[in-house]
Full PDB file with SEQRES, HELIX, SHEET, SSBOND, CRYST1, ORIGX, SCALE, CONECT and MASTER records, all heavy atoms in Angstrom:
SEQRES   1 A   37  LEU ALA LEU ILE GLN LEU HIS VAL SER ALA VAL LYS SER          
SEQRES   2 A   37  ASP ASN LEU GLN ARG ALA CYS GLY LEU VAL ARG GLU ALA          
SEQRES   3 A   37  SER ALA LYS GLY ALA LYS VAL VAL VAL LEU PRO                  
HELIX    1 AA1 LYS A   12  ALA A   28  1                                  17    
SHEET    1 AA1 2 ALA A   2  LEU A   3  0                                        
SHEET    2 AA1 2 VAL A  34  VAL A  35  1                                        
CRYST1    1.000    1.000    1.000  90.00  90.00  90.00 P 1           1          
ORIGX1      1.000000  0.000000  0.000000        0.00000                         
ORIGX2      0.000000  1.000000  0.000000        0.00000                         
ORIGX3      0.000000  0.000000  1.000000        0.00000                         
SCALE1      1.000000  0.000000  0.000000        0.00000                         
SCALE2      0.000000  1.000000  0.000000        0.00000                         
SCALE3      0.000000  0.000000  1.000000        0.00000                         
ATOM      1  N   LEU A   1       0.743   0.702  13.526  1.00  0.00           N  
ATOM      2  CA  LEU A   1       0.922  -0.325  12.497  1.00  0.00           C  
ATOM      3  C   LEU A   1      -0.187  -0.185  11.465  1.00  0.00           C  
ATOM      4  O   LEU A   1      -1.350   0.015  11.828  1.00  0.00           O  
ATOM      5  CB  LEU A   1       0.854  -1.710  13.143  1.00  0.00           C  
ATOM      6  CG  LEU A   1       0.890  -2.937  12.228  1.00  0.00           C  
ATOM      7  CD1 LEU A   1       2.269  -3.106  11.608  1.00  0.00           C  
ATOM      8  CD2 LEU A   1       0.509  -4.195  13.022  1.00  0.00           C  
ATOM      9  N   ALA A   2       0.157  -0.263  10.183  1.00  0.00           N  
ATOM     10  CA  ALA A   2      -0.831  -0.178   9.106  1.00  0.00           C  
ATOM     11  C   ALA A   2      -0.767  -1.433   8.246  1.00  0.00           C  
ATOM     12  O   ALA A   2       0.316  -1.853   7.818  1.00  0.00           O  
ATOM     13  CB  ALA A   2      -0.584   1.055   8.250  1.00  0.00           C  
ATOM     14  N   LEU A   3      -1.925  -2.035   7.997  1.00  0.00           N  
ATOM     15  CA  LEU A   3      -2.043  -3.202   7.124  1.00  0.00           C  
ATOM     16  C   LEU A   3      -2.780  -2.793   5.859  1.00  0.00           C  
ATOM     17  O   LEU A   3      -3.910  -2.293   5.932  1.00  0.00           O  
ATOM     18  CB  LEU A   3      -2.814  -4.328   7.823  1.00  0.00           C  
ATOM     19  CG  LEU A   3      -2.433  -4.667   9.268  1.00  0.00           C  
ATOM     20  CD1 LEU A   3      -3.278  -5.820   9.782  1.00  0.00           C  
ATOM     21  CD2 LEU A   3      -0.949  -4.990   9.388  1.00  0.00           C  
ATOM     22  N   ILE A   4      -2.147  -2.989   4.709  1.00  0.00           N  
ATOM     23  CA  ILE A   4      -2.750  -2.573   3.443  1.00  0.00           C  
ATOM     24  C   ILE A   4      -3.379  -3.786   2.760  1.00  0.00           C  
ATOM     25  O   ILE A   4      -2.682  -4.659   2.248  1.00  0.00           O  
ATOM     26  CB  ILE A   4      -1.706  -1.918   2.529  1.00  0.00           C  
ATOM     27  CG1 ILE A   4      -1.190  -0.629   3.186  1.00  0.00           C  
ATOM     28  CG2 ILE A   4      -2.297  -1.622   1.157  1.00  0.00           C  
ATOM     29  CD1 ILE A   4      -0.116   0.086   2.397  1.00  0.00           C  
ATOM     30  N   GLN A   5      -4.698  -3.839   2.787  1.00  0.00           N  
ATOM     31  CA  GLN A   5      -5.434  -4.914   2.121  1.00  0.00           C  
ATOM     32  C   GLN A   5      -5.714  -4.466   0.692  1.00  0.00           C  
ATOM     33  O   GLN A   5      -6.698  -3.796   0.403  1.00  0.00           O  
ATOM     34  CB  GLN A   5      -6.719  -5.234   2.889  1.00  0.00           C  
ATOM     35  CG  GLN A   5      -7.484  -6.420   2.305  1.00  0.00           C  
ATOM     36  CD  GLN A   5      -8.520  -6.967   3.245  1.00  0.00           C  
ATOM     37  OE1 GLN A   5      -8.195  -7.598   4.262  1.00  0.00           O  
ATOM     38  NE2 GLN A   5      -9.783  -6.740   2.940  1.00  0.00           N  
ATOM     39  N   LEU A   6      -4.818  -4.834  -0.201  1.00  0.00           N  
ATOM     40  CA  LEU A   6      -4.777  -4.310  -1.566  1.00  0.00           C  
ATOM     41  C   LEU A   6      -5.610  -5.156  -2.530  1.00  0.00           C  
ATOM     42  O   LEU A   6      -5.593  -6.384  -2.463  1.00  0.00           O  
ATOM     43  CB  LEU A   6      -3.319  -4.284  -2.034  1.00  0.00           C  
ATOM     44  CG  LEU A   6      -3.010  -3.696  -3.404  1.00  0.00           C  
ATOM     45  CD1 LEU A   6      -3.138  -2.174  -3.361  1.00  0.00           C  
ATOM     46  CD2 LEU A   6      -1.598  -4.092  -3.843  1.00  0.00           C  
ATOM     47  N   HIS A   7      -6.318  -4.484  -3.429  1.00  0.00           N  
ATOM     48  CA  HIS A   7      -6.949  -5.187  -4.548  1.00  0.00           C  
ATOM     49  C   HIS A   7      -5.883  -5.425  -5.611  1.00  0.00           C  
ATOM     50  O   HIS A   7      -5.294  -4.485  -6.134  1.00  0.00           O  
ATOM     51  CB  HIS A   7      -8.098  -4.369  -5.132  1.00  0.00           C  
ATOM     52  CG  HIS A   7      -8.719  -5.023  -6.343  1.00  0.00           C  
ATOM     53  ND1 HIS A   7      -9.605  -6.069  -6.244  1.00  0.00           N  
ATOM     54  CD2 HIS A   7      -8.539  -4.805  -7.672  1.00  0.00           C  
ATOM     55  CE1 HIS A   7      -9.956  -6.455  -7.460  1.00  0.00           C  
ATOM     56  NE2 HIS A   7      -9.328  -5.709  -8.335  1.00  0.00           N  
ATOM     57  N   VAL A   8      -5.622  -6.688  -5.916  1.00  0.00           N  
ATOM     58  CA  VAL A   8      -4.539  -7.061  -6.832  1.00  0.00           C  
ATOM     59  C   VAL A   8      -5.104  -7.373  -8.210  1.00  0.00           C  
ATOM     60  O   VAL A   8      -6.032  -8.179  -8.353  1.00  0.00           O  
ATOM     61  CB  VAL A   8      -3.765  -8.274  -6.289  1.00  0.00           C  
ATOM     62  CG1 VAL A   8      -2.651  -8.677  -7.248  1.00  0.00           C  
ATOM     63  CG2 VAL A   8      -3.199  -7.967  -4.905  1.00  0.00           C  
ATOM     64  N   SER A   9      -4.522  -6.733  -9.239  1.00  0.00           N  
ATOM     65  CA  SER A   9      -4.936  -6.984 -10.619  1.00  0.00           C  
ATOM     66  C   SER A   9      -3.866  -7.803 -11.336  1.00  0.00           C  
ATOM     67  O   SER A   9      -2.834  -8.162 -10.755  1.00  0.00           O  
ATOM     68  CB  SER A   9      -5.155  -5.661 -11.346  1.00  0.00           C  
ATOM     69  OG  SER A   9      -3.904  -5.065 -11.677  1.00  0.00           O  
ATOM     70  N   ALA A  10      -4.079  -8.064 -12.613  1.00  0.00           N  
ATOM     71  CA  ALA A  10      -3.112  -8.818 -13.412  1.00  0.00           C  
ATOM     72  C   ALA A  10      -2.011  -7.924 -13.960  1.00  0.00           C  
ATOM     73  O   ALA A  10      -1.077  -8.423 -14.604  1.00  0.00           O  
ATOM     74  CB  ALA A  10      -3.835  -9.534 -14.553  1.00  0.00           C  
ATOM     75  N   VAL A  11      -2.100  -6.609 -13.710  1.00  0.00           N  
ATOM     76  CA  VAL A  11      -1.121  -5.663 -14.263  1.00  0.00           C  
ATOM     77  C   VAL A  11      -0.150  -5.264 -13.151  1.00  0.00           C  
ATOM     78  O   VAL A  11      -0.500  -4.520 -12.234  1.00  0.00           O  
ATOM     79  CB  VAL A  11      -1.817  -4.409 -14.841  1.00  0.00           C  
ATOM     80  CG1 VAL A  11      -0.785  -3.472 -15.468  1.00  0.00           C  
ATOM     81  CG2 VAL A  11      -2.856  -4.826 -15.882  1.00  0.00           C  
ATOM     82  N   LYS A  12       1.076  -5.763 -13.241  1.00  0.00           N  
ATOM     83  CA  LYS A  12       2.059  -5.549 -12.179  1.00  0.00           C  
ATOM     84  C   LYS A  12       2.311  -4.070 -11.908  1.00  0.00           C  
ATOM     85  O   LYS A  12       2.361  -3.638 -10.755  1.00  0.00           O  
ATOM     86  CB  LYS A  12       3.374  -6.242 -12.531  1.00  0.00           C  
ATOM     87  CG  LYS A  12       4.426  -6.129 -11.431  1.00  0.00           C  
ATOM     88  CD  LYS A  12       5.786  -6.656 -11.879  1.00  0.00           C  
ATOM     89  CE  LYS A  12       5.789  -8.141 -12.056  1.00  0.00           C  
ATOM     90  NZ  LYS A  12       7.158  -8.670 -12.299  1.00  0.00           N  
ATOM     91  N   SER A  13       2.454  -3.276 -12.960  1.00  0.00           N  
ATOM     92  CA  SER A  13       2.761  -1.853 -12.779  1.00  0.00           C  
ATOM     93  C   SER A  13       1.639  -1.141 -12.027  1.00  0.00           C  
ATOM     94  O   SER A  13       1.895  -0.257 -11.195  1.00  0.00           O  
ATOM     95  CB  SER A  13       3.001  -1.179 -14.127  1.00  0.00           C  
ATOM     96  OG  SER A  13       1.868  -1.311 -14.982  1.00  0.00           O  
ATOM     97  N   ASP A  14       0.391  -1.498 -12.321  1.00  0.00           N  
ATOM     98  CA  ASP A  14      -0.741  -0.904 -11.597  1.00  0.00           C  
ATOM     99  C   ASP A  14      -0.712  -1.291 -10.121  1.00  0.00           C  
ATOM    100  O   ASP A  14      -0.979  -0.459  -9.240  1.00  0.00           O  
ATOM    101  CB  ASP A  14      -2.069  -1.347 -12.221  1.00  0.00           C  
ATOM    102  CG  ASP A  14      -2.320  -0.725 -13.580  1.00  0.00           C  
ATOM    103  OD1 ASP A  14      -1.542   0.186 -13.966  1.00  0.00           O  
ATOM    104  OD2 ASP A  14      -3.266  -1.150 -14.265  1.00  0.00           O  
ATOM    105  N   ASN A  15      -0.411  -2.557  -9.853  1.00  0.00           N  
ATOM    106  CA  ASN A  15      -0.349  -3.019  -8.465  1.00  0.00           C  
ATOM    107  C   ASN A  15       0.724  -2.268  -7.689  1.00  0.00           C  
ATOM    108  O   ASN A  15       0.506  -1.843  -6.553  1.00  0.00           O  
ATOM    109  CB  ASN A  15      -0.048  -4.524  -8.428  1.00  0.00           C  
ATOM    110  CG  ASN A  15      -1.164  -5.360  -9.023  1.00  0.00           C  
ATOM    111  OD1 ASN A  15      -2.331  -4.975  -8.978  1.00  0.00           O  
ATOM    112  ND2 ASN A  15      -0.808  -6.509  -9.574  1.00  0.00           N  
ATOM    113  N   LEU A  16       1.891  -2.103  -8.306  1.00  0.00           N  
ATOM    114  CA  LEU A  16       2.988  -1.396  -7.650  1.00  0.00           C  
ATOM    115  C   LEU A  16       2.636   0.059  -7.379  1.00  0.00           C  
ATOM    116  O   LEU A  16       2.898   0.589  -6.301  1.00  0.00           O  
ATOM    117  CB  LEU A  16       4.256  -1.476  -8.513  1.00  0.00           C  
ATOM    118  CG  LEU A  16       4.970  -2.824  -8.555  1.00  0.00           C  
ATOM    119  CD1 LEU A  16       6.051  -2.826  -9.627  1.00  0.00           C  
ATOM    120  CD2 LEU A  16       5.578  -3.138  -7.190  1.00  0.00           C  
ATOM    121  N   GLN A  17       2.023   0.703  -8.377  1.00  0.00           N  
ATOM    122  CA  GLN A  17       1.668   2.113  -8.233  1.00  0.00           C  
ATOM    123  C   GLN A  17       0.638   2.306  -7.123  1.00  0.00           C  
ATOM    124  O   GLN A  17       0.769   3.206  -6.285  1.00  0.00           O  
ATOM    125  CB  GLN A  17       1.133   2.657  -9.559  1.00  0.00           C  
ATOM    126  CG  GLN A  17       0.790   4.140  -9.519  1.00  0.00           C  
ATOM    127  CD  GLN A  17       0.326   4.658 -10.870  1.00  0.00           C  
ATOM    128  OE1 GLN A  17       0.170   3.907 -11.824  1.00  0.00           O  
ATOM    129  NE2 GLN A  17       0.093   5.956 -10.960  1.00  0.00           N  
ATOM    130  N   ARG A  18      -0.380   1.452  -7.107  1.00  0.00           N  
ATOM    131  CA  ARG A  18      -1.433   1.598  -6.102  1.00  0.00           C  
ATOM    132  C   ARG A  18      -0.893   1.257  -4.710  1.00  0.00           C  
ATOM    133  O   ARG A  18      -1.223   1.917  -3.722  1.00  0.00           O  
ATOM    134  CB  ARG A  18      -2.624   0.716  -6.457  1.00  0.00           C  
ATOM    135  CG  ARG A  18      -3.860   1.009  -5.620  1.00  0.00           C  
ATOM    136  CD  ARG A  18      -5.137   0.477  -6.231  1.00  0.00           C  
ATOM    137  NE  ARG A  18      -5.126  -0.972  -6.360  1.00  0.00           N  
ATOM    138  CZ  ARG A  18      -4.938  -1.611  -7.506  1.00  0.00           C  
ATOM    139  NH1 ARG A  18      -4.736  -0.923  -8.616  1.00  0.00           N  
ATOM    140  NH2 ARG A  18      -4.949  -2.924  -7.556  1.00  0.00           N  
ATOM    141  N   ALA A  19      -0.049   0.231  -4.636  1.00  0.00           N  
ATOM    142  CA  ALA A  19       0.532  -0.144  -3.347  1.00  0.00           C  
ATOM    143  C   ALA A  19       1.365   0.992  -2.776  1.00  0.00           C  
ATOM    144  O   ALA A  19       1.231   1.338  -1.592  1.00  0.00           O  
ATOM    145  CB  ALA A  19       1.376  -1.406  -3.503  1.00  0.00           C  
ATOM    146  N   CYS A  20       2.197   1.591  -3.604  1.00  0.00           N  
ATOM    147  CA  CYS A  20       3.045   2.689  -3.124  1.00  0.00           C  
ATOM    148  C   CYS A  20       2.205   3.891  -2.704  1.00  0.00           C  
ATOM    149  O   CYS A  20       2.523   4.577  -1.720  1.00  0.00           O  
ATOM    150  CB  CYS A  20       4.058   3.087  -4.199  1.00  0.00           C  
ATOM    151  SG  CYS A  20       5.365   1.857  -4.451  1.00  0.00           S  
ATOM    152  N   GLY A  21       1.106   4.136  -3.414  1.00  0.00           N  
ATOM    153  CA  GLY A  21       0.217   5.230  -3.043  1.00  0.00           C  
ATOM    154  C   GLY A  21      -0.416   5.005  -1.681  1.00  0.00           C  
ATOM    155  O   GLY A  21      -0.504   5.936  -0.863  1.00  0.00           O  
ATOM    156  N   LEU A  22      -0.824   3.773  -1.404  1.00  0.00           N  
ATOM    157  CA  LEU A  22      -1.433   3.465  -0.111  1.00  0.00           C  
ATOM    158  C   LEU A  22      -0.394   3.464   1.013  1.00  0.00           C  
ATOM    159  O   LEU A  22      -0.709   3.809   2.157  1.00  0.00           O  
ATOM    160  CB  LEU A  22      -2.146   2.117  -0.182  1.00  0.00           C  
ATOM    161  CG  LEU A  22      -3.429   2.115  -1.027  1.00  0.00           C  
ATOM    162  CD1 LEU A  22      -3.947   0.697  -1.228  1.00  0.00           C  
ATOM    163  CD2 LEU A  22      -4.507   2.992  -0.400  1.00  0.00           C  
ATOM    164  N   VAL A  23       0.840   3.095   0.691  1.00  0.00           N  
ATOM    165  CA  VAL A  23       1.922   3.188   1.682  1.00  0.00           C  
ATOM    166  C   VAL A  23       2.126   4.649   2.090  1.00  0.00           C  
ATOM    167  O   VAL A  23       2.265   4.969   3.274  1.00  0.00           O  
ATOM    168  CB  VAL A  23       3.229   2.588   1.129  1.00  0.00           C  
ATOM    169  CG1 VAL A  23       4.406   2.943   2.040  1.00  0.00           C  
ATOM    170  CG2 VAL A  23       3.108   1.079   0.987  1.00  0.00           C  
ATOM    171  N   ARG A  24       2.137   5.540   1.102  1.00  0.00           N  
ATOM    172  CA  ARG A  24       2.290   6.970   1.403  1.00  0.00           C  
ATOM    173  C   ARG A  24       1.124   7.477   2.259  1.00  0.00           C  
ATOM    174  O   ARG A  24       1.317   8.265   3.185  1.00  0.00           O  
ATOM    175  CB  ARG A  24       2.376   7.769   0.094  1.00  0.00           C  
ATOM    176  CG  ARG A  24       3.647   7.492  -0.719  1.00  0.00           C  
ATOM    177  CD  ARG A  24       3.725   8.396  -1.941  1.00  0.00           C  
ATOM    178  NE  ARG A  24       4.916   8.083  -2.726  1.00  0.00           N  
ATOM    179  CZ  ARG A  24       4.934   7.304  -3.816  1.00  0.00           C  
ATOM    180  NH1 ARG A  24       3.792   6.748  -4.240  1.00  0.00           N  
ATOM    181  NH2 ARG A  24       6.061   7.068  -4.450  1.00  0.00           N  
ATOM    182  N   GLU A  25      -0.067   7.007   1.944  1.00  0.00           N  
ATOM    183  CA  GLU A  25      -1.248   7.410   2.721  1.00  0.00           C  
ATOM    184  C   GLU A  25      -1.124   6.945   4.161  1.00  0.00           C  
ATOM    185  O   GLU A  25      -1.417   7.695   5.101  1.00  0.00           O  
ATOM    186  CB  GLU A  25      -2.502   6.802   2.083  1.00  0.00           C  
ATOM    187  CG  GLU A  25      -3.791   7.044   2.854  1.00  0.00           C  
ATOM    188  CD  GLU A  25      -4.968   6.296   2.262  1.00  0.00           C  
ATOM    189  OE1 GLU A  25      -5.153   6.376   1.018  1.00  0.00           O  
ATOM    190  OE2 GLU A  25      -5.685   5.614   3.024  1.00  0.00           O  
ATOM    191  N   ALA A  26      -0.677   5.709   4.354  1.00  0.00           N  
ATOM    192  CA  ALA A  26      -0.524   5.175   5.706  1.00  0.00           C  
ATOM    193  C   ALA A  26       0.533   5.947   6.485  1.00  0.00           C  
ATOM    194  O   ALA A  26       0.365   6.250   7.666  1.00  0.00           O  
ATOM    195  CB  ALA A  26      -0.164   3.690   5.640  1.00  0.00           C  
ATOM    196  N   SER A  27       1.620   6.277   5.811  1.00  0.00           N  
ATOM    197  CA  SER A  27       2.681   7.048   6.460  1.00  0.00           C  
ATOM    198  C   SER A  27       2.181   8.420   6.877  1.00  0.00           C  
ATOM    199  O   SER A  27       2.478   8.905   7.972  1.00  0.00           O  
ATOM    200  CB  SER A  27       3.877   7.189   5.516  1.00  0.00           C  
ATOM    201  OG  SER A  27       4.834   8.075   6.029  1.00  0.00           O  
ATOM    202  N   ALA A  28       1.390   9.051   6.004  1.00  0.00           N  
ATOM    203  CA  ALA A  28       0.855  10.377   6.314  1.00  0.00           C  
ATOM    204  C   ALA A  28      -0.074  10.343   7.527  1.00  0.00           C  
ATOM    205  O   ALA A  28      -0.252  11.359   8.208  1.00  0.00           O  
ATOM    206  CB  ALA A  28       0.107  10.922   5.101  1.00  0.00           C  
ATOM    207  N   LYS A  29      -0.628   9.167   7.821  1.00  0.00           N  
ATOM    208  CA  LYS A  29      -1.515   9.021   8.974  1.00  0.00           C  
ATOM    209  C   LYS A  29      -0.776   8.482  10.205  1.00  0.00           C  
ATOM    210  O   LYS A  29      -1.407   8.022  11.158  1.00  0.00           O  
ATOM    211  CB  LYS A  29      -2.696   8.116   8.611  1.00  0.00           C  
ATOM    212  CG  LYS A  29      -3.627   8.757   7.581  1.00  0.00           C  
ATOM    213  CD  LYS A  29      -4.851   7.903   7.321  1.00  0.00           C  
ATOM    214  CE  LYS A  29      -5.792   8.592   6.320  1.00  0.00           C  
ATOM    215  NZ  LYS A  29      -7.006   7.786   6.050  1.00  0.00           N  
ATOM    216  N   GLY A  30       0.542   8.525  10.149  1.00  0.00           N  
ATOM    217  CA  GLY A  30       1.326   8.236  11.335  1.00  0.00           C  
ATOM    218  C   GLY A  30       1.827   6.823  11.494  1.00  0.00           C  
ATOM    219  O   GLY A  30       2.423   6.487  12.530  1.00  0.00           O  
ATOM    220  N   ALA A  31       1.619   5.963  10.497  1.00  0.00           N  
ATOM    221  CA  ALA A  31       2.090   4.581  10.616  1.00  0.00           C  
ATOM    222  C   ALA A  31       3.612   4.535  10.554  1.00  0.00           C  
ATOM    223  O   ALA A  31       4.236   5.191   9.717  1.00  0.00           O  
ATOM    224  CB  ALA A  31       1.493   3.720   9.508  1.00  0.00           C  
ATOM    225  N   LYS A  32       4.212   3.762  11.448  1.00  0.00           N  
ATOM    226  CA  LYS A  32       5.669   3.590  11.485  1.00  0.00           C  
ATOM    227  C   LYS A  32       6.101   2.266  10.867  1.00  0.00           C  
ATOM    228  O   LYS A  32       7.230   2.132  10.400  1.00  0.00           O  
ATOM    229  CB  LYS A  32       6.166   3.663  12.929  1.00  0.00           C  
ATOM    230  CG  LYS A  32       5.844   4.980  13.627  1.00  0.00           C  
ATOM    231  CD  LYS A  32       6.466   6.162  12.892  1.00  0.00           C  
ATOM    232  CE  LYS A  32       6.196   7.464  13.639  1.00  0.00           C  
ATOM    233  NZ  LYS A  32       6.729   8.637  12.891  1.00  0.00           N  
ATOM    234  N   VAL A  33       5.196   1.281  10.915  1.00  0.00           N  
ATOM    235  CA  VAL A  33       5.423  -0.013  10.268  1.00  0.00           C  
ATOM    236  C   VAL A  33       4.225  -0.269   9.358  1.00  0.00           C  
ATOM    237  O   VAL A  33       3.077  -0.238   9.817  1.00  0.00           O  
ATOM    238  CB  VAL A  33       5.562  -1.150  11.297  1.00  0.00           C  
ATOM    239  CG1 VAL A  33       5.776  -2.488  10.585  1.00  0.00           C  
ATOM    240  CG2 VAL A  33       6.717  -0.873  12.263  1.00  0.00           C  
ATOM    241  N   VAL A  34       4.495  -0.513   8.075  1.00  0.00           N  
ATOM    242  CA  VAL A  34       3.437  -0.699   7.084  1.00  0.00           C  
ATOM    243  C   VAL A  34       3.636  -2.052   6.415  1.00  0.00           C  
ATOM    244  O   VAL A  34       4.763  -2.420   6.065  1.00  0.00           O  
ATOM    245  CB  VAL A  34       3.453   0.426   6.031  1.00  0.00           C  
ATOM    246  CG1 VAL A  34       2.339   0.219   5.009  1.00  0.00           C  
ATOM    247  CG2 VAL A  34       3.314   1.793   6.701  1.00  0.00           C  
ATOM    248  N   VAL A  35       2.539  -2.797   6.248  1.00  0.00           N  
ATOM    249  CA  VAL A  35       2.633  -4.157   5.722  1.00  0.00           C  
ATOM    250  C   VAL A  35       1.732  -4.314   4.499  1.00  0.00           C  
ATOM    251  O   VAL A  35       0.559  -3.931   4.524  1.00  0.00           O  
ATOM    252  CB  VAL A  35       2.225  -5.201   6.781  1.00  0.00           C  
ATOM    253  CG1 VAL A  35       2.568  -6.615   6.294  1.00  0.00           C  
ATOM    254  CG2 VAL A  35       2.900  -4.918   8.115  1.00  0.00           C  
ATOM    255  N   LEU A  36       2.295  -4.898   3.435  1.00  0.00           N  
ATOM    256  CA  LEU A  36       1.544  -5.239   2.230  1.00  0.00           C  
ATOM    257  C   LEU A  36       1.158  -6.725   2.277  1.00  0.00           C  
ATOM    258  O   LEU A  36       1.786  -7.516   2.983  1.00  0.00           O  
ATOM    259  CB  LEU A  36       2.392  -4.958   0.988  1.00  0.00           C  
ATOM    260  CG  LEU A  36       2.630  -3.478   0.676  1.00  0.00           C  
ATOM    261  CD1 LEU A  36       3.774  -3.310  -0.313  1.00  0.00           C  
ATOM    262  CD2 LEU A  36       1.360  -2.834   0.134  1.00  0.00           C  
ATOM    263  N   PRO A  37       0.139  -7.121   1.508  1.00  0.00           N  
ATOM    264  CA  PRO A  37      -0.329  -8.507   1.579  1.00  0.00           C  
ATOM    265  C   PRO A  37       0.553  -9.480   0.806  1.00  0.00           C  
ATOM    266  O   PRO A  37       1.425  -9.077   0.027  1.00  0.00           O  
ATOM    267  CB  PRO A  37      -1.716  -8.432   0.929  1.00  0.00           C  
ATOM    268  CG  PRO A  37      -1.608  -7.311  -0.037  1.00  0.00           C  
ATOM    269  CD  PRO A  37      -0.706  -6.295   0.624  1.00  0.00           C  
TER     270      PRO A  37                                                      
MASTER        0    0    0    1    2    0    0    6  269    1    0    3          
END                                                                             
């Protein structure tokens, strides 16, 4: 299980891009269930 503690900004597109990048990172490290805040 991976929990992504994301730094959230006022720019939605930046938040989405960074969140998806960290999801990919978690998946590459073997996470099967990934959770965003």
